[in-house]
Amino acid sequence: MKSSLSRRIVTAAGFLFLALASVQGAGAATASGPSAPTDLRLEYLSNPMGVDVRLPRFYWTPRPGARGEGQSAYQILVSRDAACDKGDVWDSGKVAAAEFVHIVYAGKPLASASSYFWKVRSWTTSGQPGAWSETARFDTGLFEKSDWLGTWIGGACLRKEFAVGGPVVRARAYVAGVGYHELRINGRKAGDGVLDPGWTTYDKRVLYVTYDVTSLLRSGANAVGVMLGRGWYKNRALLLRLDVETAGGGRVSIVSDGSWKTAPSPIVEEDLYNGETYDARLEAAGWDEPGFFGTGWKTAAAVEAPKGRLSAQMMPAIRVMDTIVPLGMANPRPGVYVFDMGQNFSGWARLRVAGTRGTAVRLRFAEILYDDGMINQENLRGARAEDVYILKGGNEETYEPRFTYHGFRYVELTGFPGVPTAETLRGRVVYSGLAQTGSFACSKPLLNSLQRNITWTQKTNLHSVPTDCPQRDERMGWMGDAQGTTEEAIMNYDMAAFYTNFLRDIRDVQDDKGQITDTVPHIWGNRPADPAWGTAYPLIAWYMYLYYGDKRILEEHYDGLKAYVEALRAKAENGLVKYSHYGDWVAIDKTPPAIVSSFYYYYDVRILADVAAALKRDAEARVYMDLAASIKTAFHAEYFDPKSNSYANGTQTANALALFLELAPEAARDGAWGSLFNDIVYHNNSHLTTGIIGTKYVMEVLDRFGASDLAYDIATRTDYPSWGFMIENGATTIWELWQKREGPSMNSQNHPMFGSVGAWLYKTLAGINQAADGVGFQKIRIAPQMVRDLGYASGSIGTVRGRLTSAWSKTAKSIVIEVEVPCGSEAEIVLPRGKLRHIVLKEGGTVIWAGKKAATSVSGVRSVEEVDADNLVRIKAGSGRYAFELAGD
């Protein structure tokens, strides 16, 4: 939702000159002609395998060479030939268009299970042609159910041998193995994913994974093996198709059927919450290689197929993303060793051990310790969180689990033969393999620690769905947590494919009344969802449009969003939705839940109206704008108290909600703002008392009303309640509660919901925002708030159009800001001028702007102007890299 309120800039006095320093590198004014486009992508995927979209979209980043240049035309070639010299599948011809994202495929129908190659070239706005890009490849998945050929079979370990009659030139495996699977070919694991496939509502959808297994196969005898885990599916089932092409045109397909053999697995127990027990004595050496002759293998039986539709897993797979060396090891009791990883994270431990056959080594996981140094698992509730490895004996053995994960900082090791060393354990960091595309840093170390804690919390709660926590008996897709942190996640990570999948997950749980659930997939919580939780559906869809410019998302989900809003409307009382399950969850000062639900009812209706307008459904847009107007009137009448100049009971959350969406009419706005300010500053000594809902909005409200200094004070406090309090008490991730608590219930040490403040770091301190009418970062507004003692701040995010950077520093006599504007975008850069009037813009020592008069032009700079009323300087610039300076005489 875009507010009409302009952001007020906190001014800093004493700045006289505005200069543009020359910048070397891509985008500088001295660059020559355009180079080849880069960063070729398809459907948000950097490595597209198994694309089951019949009309995929293409993306690239033009490299025009000069500042202010963009793209005026493009040409795409798609071919079955790797050389891609001709567009035998699609040649777009020269298309006059500035757009280079969301370019929809318009060639011949794509075939299932096929490889395609593509490249692109572009022309600059001045008409210069660029070189062809490098060639990229994408593979289609299986479009039709009939493409699968095989049958669903069951077991724990499954295998089949087959022969290949020549050198292998291409091989793809399509695997739907649920709950989890690991594919192995000729003794080697295929791919780098773990905990595959992603969790879904299995009655509606089952994800399959596509593997390029060309390098794992050979001419002659081969074997394919699959291990299955229960996961969230709570059962084991496999559907597989393996296609092999050989030199000379030979083809063979292996499918799951009654010719496969199965045997028990060495994994004798596996559970997401309780962990895994692995008995290495039960291993059948060579079971996944050809020529294996094991006893006890039986014919695999057909099993009932999951009811859900088969869909390609097009989001990044869960992977082992990092390995952590423990900070140290303690020995609090005889035979008990506790390793401190130094970081709270999701994943497991890798164990190295040698000992007598049958020795059971136990690993237990925890986030916190008792005072005596023993691990404290009370806050895990019912989750046992332990892995047991039973040695086969002989040489050193290495173990890490396959079908479980934990959230932890500490690992307790018992049953170890001998004394462990620093090499015994390593932490394996596991989450969905999203690229971290954003970075933030500033001169305040506490805020750098906050940013670090936010990103660790966010990424370790991305496990195919956005989870609430990784450690206790929960780990679910709670929608309140998801919607509260969406903007922060987008600032830090490439979330497009992930949220595309999650929105589909939400639609899968929607019933015929339009109602959705508190958790997705639905395990815990209610139907209908609390409005503050259900709003994840419209909000995430809208954020996908705002941040990625993805109109297809709106088209695909419009009917679902409309049905959701109408389900809310059916529950309205006197024009307001008041039912609630959670309200402003875990707040210190309790806000009446009804006002939270009413706020989100209005928000969702406004979003639906904006979606309808974006899709040119003008009549429906008017209907929902009118509905929103009536809700706004009812909201103020129901909740505003003119005696206290506050909404509801006057909590920070209640007033922040009314101000954020301008539900407070102009006559009441100043009073509500004064009440909010007074509560924060005078009643709570610059602390928040908000829960997860109010926290998301209050910092932005403070900025809008010119109180960015106060927001900074809040963000940098170190006493209770504050993010700094968490950090001062050893937190390496964000807590579930403001307070430090070691009881058995609400005490997750790794919970993303209060991490919503991460968006404020980028939007306010680095100043990275879209213009009021901006979508997909075509129009950018860079307006950093240079607050208090902050000497510098820098933020950089990966947009769908390319990198966007804002980095500033200030001294008593100057401000320097460096900006990188993506190709095809335009930016308005707003800086505080201070009280002095004389402004100079320099490049290479040449004065180009002085006393409101242009002295010479600068490549890429469209205009420079003073805004006397607000004491600002406003610079408008096109794409490229710039360094501006405001300095004294």
Foldseek 3Di string as FASTA:
>chain_A
DFDPFDFFFDFDFFFFAKAWAFDDDQAGQPWDAWAAWADKDKLLFSAAEAAQDFWIFIATFTRGGYFQKFFQWKWKAKALDQVRPHNPFDTPPIGGDRDGTRHIDDGHTDDAFGKMKMWMWTAIPVGHTYDIDRIDMHTHHHNDPVVLVAFKWFAFKKKDKDAAAAQWDWKKKKKQKPPWKWKDKQHHTFDFFFRPDFDFPLLAETAIEMTTCNVRDGHTMMMMMMGHDHAPVNGIMMWMWMWTAHPPGDIDIDIDYQNMKHDHAQFPDDDQQAGTEGQPLPDQPQPRRPPGDDPPIDGIDGDDHGNHDYDYLRFFHKGQDDKAQFPDWDPLDVQKIKTFRLFWAKFWKKFKAADDAFQKKKKAFAADADPSGHGFCLQQPPGNRMYIYGDRHDDIDIDDDGNYMATHRMIMIGSGDDDDDSPGIMGGHIARPWDFFKDKDFPDVLVNLLLQQLVRLQRRQHHLARFFAGHHPGSFRFQLLVLLAVLLCQNTTSCQSSLLVVLVQQLSQQDPQLATFRTGVDDDGDTRYFLSRVLSNLRSLVCCCFFAVDLVSLVVCLVSLVSNLVSQVVCDDQLFRADGDAAQHQFQDDFRRRLSRRLSSLVSLQSSLVSCVVVVVPVVNVVSVVSSVSSLVVQCVPFADVVQLAGNPLALQRLQSCQQNVSPDPVSNVSSVVSNVCCCCPVPPLEHRTGLRSLLRNQVSCSSVVNNQSSVVHAPDLDPQYQNVCVVVSQSHDWNHSDQDSHNHRTRSRGNSSVSCSSVSCCEQLVWDAPSPHTQQQEIERRYHCYDPIFKMKMWGQTSQGIWIWIWGDDSFKIKIKIARGHNHKYKYKHANHDDDWYFYHYPRDTQATPNDGPDDDTFWDDWDADVVSRMIITMGGGRIIMMMRGDD
